[in-house]
C-alpha atoms as a PDB file:
ATOM      1  CA  MET A   1     -14.834 -69.928 -23.474  1.00  0.00           C
ATOM      2  CA  PRO A   2     -16.425 -67.253 -23.374  1.00  0.00           C
ATOM      3  CA  SER A   3     -18.587 -66.626 -26.812  1.00  0.00           C
ATOM      4  CA  LEU A   4     -18.038 -63.744 -28.871  1.00  0.00           C
ATOM      5  CA  LYS A   5     -21.505 -61.886 -27.873  1.00  0.00           C
ATOM      6  CA  ARG A   6     -20.243 -62.630 -24.075  1.00  0.00           C
ATOM      7  CA  ILE A   7     -17.134 -60.409 -24.196  1.00  0.00           C
ATOM      8  CA  ALA A   8     -18.789 -57.914 -26.802  1.00  0.00           C
ATOM      9  CA  ALA A   9     -21.631 -57.624 -23.256  1.00  0.00           C
ATOM     10  CA  LEU A  10     -18.261 -57.132 -21.039  1.00  0.00           C
ATOM     11  CA  ALA A  11     -16.364 -54.930 -23.236  1.00  0.00           C
ATOM     12  CA  ARG A  12     -19.096 -52.486 -23.742  1.00  0.00           C
ATOM     13  CA  GLU A  13     -20.106 -52.504 -19.387  1.00  0.00           C
ATOM     14  CA  ARG A  14     -17.113 -52.171 -18.715  1.00  0.00           C
ATOM     15  CA  ARG A  15     -16.316 -49.228 -21.179  1.00  0.00           C
ATOM     16  CA  GLU A  16     -19.487 -48.206 -19.198  1.00  0.00           C
ATOM     17  CA  ALA A  17     -18.941 -48.275 -16.050  1.00  0.00           C
ATOM     18  CA  GLU A  18     -16.047 -46.368 -16.533  1.00  0.00           C
ATOM     19  CA  GLY A  19     -18.182 -43.619 -18.670  1.00  0.00           C
ATOM     20  CA  LEU A  20     -15.923 -43.643 -21.425  1.00  0.00           C
ATOM     21  CA  SER A  21     -17.295 -43.148 -24.944  1.00  0.00           C
ATOM     22  CA  GLN A  22     -16.389 -45.620 -27.523  1.00  0.00           C
ATOM     23  CA  LYS A  23     -14.511 -43.072 -29.479  1.00  0.00           C
ATOM     24  CA  ASP A  24     -12.825 -42.523 -25.762  1.00  0.00           C
ATOM     25  CA  LEU A  25     -11.378 -45.409 -25.150  1.00  0.00           C
ATOM     26  CA  ALA A  26     -10.659 -46.071 -29.136  1.00  0.00           C
ATOM     27  CA  SER A  27      -8.462 -43.028 -28.142  1.00  0.00           C
ATOM     28  CA  LEU A  28      -6.480 -44.962 -25.565  1.00  0.00           C
ATOM     29  CA  ALA A  29      -6.176 -47.668 -26.710  1.00  0.00           C
ATOM     30  CA  GLY A  30      -4.802 -46.032 -29.963  1.00  0.00           C
ATOM     31  CA  VAL A  31      -7.444 -47.676 -32.422  1.00  0.00           C
ATOM     32  CA  HIS A  32      -9.728 -45.857 -34.666  1.00  0.00           C
ATOM     33  CA  HIS A  33     -13.602 -46.384 -33.039  1.00  0.00           C
ATOM     34  CA  THR A  34     -14.565 -48.408 -35.669  1.00  0.00           C
ATOM     35  CA  VAL A  35     -12.863 -51.451 -33.819  1.00  0.00           C
ATOM     36  CA  VAL A  36     -14.541 -50.650 -30.075  1.00  0.00           C
ATOM     37  CA  ILE A  37     -17.838 -50.561 -32.204  1.00  0.00           C
ATOM     38  CA  ALA A  38     -16.968 -53.784 -33.772  1.00  0.00           C
ATOM     39  CA  LEU A  39     -15.962 -55.227 -30.617  1.00  0.00           C
ATOM     40  CA  GLU A  40     -19.085 -54.347 -29.165  1.00  0.00           C
ATOM     41  CA  LYS A  41     -21.168 -55.961 -31.702  1.00  0.00           C
ATOM     42  CA  GLY A  42     -19.157 -59.279 -31.244  1.00  0.00           C
ATOM     43  CA  THR A  43     -19.569 -60.172 -34.091  1.00  0.00           C
ATOM     44  CA  GLY A  44     -16.053 -61.298 -35.105  1.00  0.00           C
ATOM     45  CA  HIS A  45     -14.829 -58.266 -37.595  1.00  0.00           C
ATOM     46  CA  VAL A  46     -11.969 -56.855 -35.603  1.00  0.00           C
ATOM     47  CA  ARG A  47      -8.478 -57.835 -35.706  1.00  0.00           C
ATOM     48  CA  PHE A  48      -7.655 -60.222 -32.832  1.00  0.00           C
ATOM     49  CA  GLU A  49      -4.292 -57.802 -32.097  1.00  0.00           C
ATOM     50  CA  ASN A  50      -7.053 -54.534 -31.692  1.00  0.00           C
ATOM     51  CA  ALA A  51      -9.341 -56.640 -29.623  1.00  0.00           C
ATOM     52  CA  TRP A  52      -6.598 -58.039 -27.350  1.00  0.00           C
ATOM     53  CA  THR A  53      -5.354 -54.040 -26.813  1.00  0.00           C
ATOM     54  CA  VAL A  54      -8.763 -53.004 -26.411  1.00  0.00           C
ATOM     55  CA  LEU A  55      -9.909 -55.486 -23.915  1.00  0.00           C
ATOM     56  CA  GLY A  56      -6.204 -54.900 -22.314  1.00  0.00           C
ATOM     57  CA  VAL A  57      -7.257 -51.454 -21.835  1.00  0.00           C
ATOM     58  CA  LEU A  58     -11.151 -51.702 -20.021  1.00  0.00           C
ATOM     59  CA  GLY A  59      -8.502 -54.232 -17.580  1.00  0.00           C
ATOM     60  CA  LEU A  60      -9.941 -57.805 -18.819  1.00  0.00           C
ATOM     61  CA  LEU A  61      -6.975 -59.569 -19.222  1.00  0.00           C
ATOM     62  CA  ASP A  62      -4.693 -60.885 -16.228  1.00  0.00           C
ATOM     63  CA  ARG A  63      -1.986 -59.739 -18.343  1.00  0.00           C
ATOM     64  CA  PRO A  64       1.060 -57.248 -16.996  1.00  0.00           C
ATOM     65  CA  GLU A  65       0.510 -55.002 -20.828  1.00  0.00           C
ATOM     66  CA  SER A  66      -3.360 -54.834 -19.539  1.00  0.00           C
ATOM     67  CA  SER A  67      -2.556 -50.972 -19.008  1.00  0.00           C
ATOM     68  CA  ILE A  68      -1.492 -48.353 -21.323  1.00  0.00           C
ATOM     69  CA  PRO A  69       2.591 -47.686 -20.587  1.00  0.00           C
ATOM     70  CA  GLY A  70       2.404 -44.353 -18.840  1.00  0.00           C
ATOM     71  CA  HIS A  71      -1.727 -44.578 -18.523  1.00  0.00           C
ATOM     72  CA  PRO A  72      -2.446 -45.990 -15.352  1.00  0.00           C
ATOM     73  CA  PRO A  73      -5.255 -48.814 -15.528  1.00  0.00           C
ATOM     74  CA  LEU A  74      -8.952 -48.157 -15.289  1.00  0.00           C
ATOM     75  CA  THR A  75     -10.292 -49.045 -12.083  1.00  0.00           C
ATOM     76  CA  GLY A  76     -14.025 -49.027 -11.515  1.00  0.00           C
ATOM     77  CA  ARG A  77     -17.358 -52.002 -10.445  1.00  0.00           C
ATOM     78  CA  GLY A  78     -16.057 -54.004 -13.552  1.00  0.00           C
ATOM     79  CA  GLN A  79     -12.550 -54.331 -12.326  1.00  0.00           C
ATOM     80  CA  GLY A  80     -13.148 -57.991 -11.265  1.00  0.00           C
ATOM     81  CA  ASN A  81     -14.502 -58.824 -14.648  1.00  0.00           C
ATOM     82  CA  ARG A  82     -11.786 -60.616 -15.999  1.00  0.00           C
ATOM     83  CA  VAL A  83     -11.829 -62.944 -18.931  1.00  0.00           C
ATOM     84  CA  ASN A  84      -9.830 -66.195 -17.137  1.00  0.00           C
ATOM     85  CA  ARG A  85     -12.571 -66.194 -14.347  1.00  0.00           C
ATOM     86  CA  ILE A  86     -15.169 -66.380 -16.720  1.00  0.00           C
ATOM     87  CA  LEU A  87     -13.507 -68.497 -18.462  1.00  0.00           C
ATOM     88  CA  ALA A  88     -14.046 -70.790 -15.442  1.00  0.00           C
ATOM     89  CA  ASP A  89     -17.973 -70.400 -14.902  1.00  0.00           C
END
């Protein structure tokens, strides 16, 4: 399982690759921007449900609900960086 720091780095890299600010990502995920900040710090000070939602919006989860209903999934260079593939490393 990847460390919190690795998950944080992946989330930040993916967000930046999509050209999103932390506030933009928070808005897409329906969470407060401090959730994105906490997730990207990798300290573990974020509720699991909120982290799961943000990672899903970023396309970092191989699950059908990994995008917001009615909103197209994000597409960018980070598309191949899926959590389950990292787990295999």
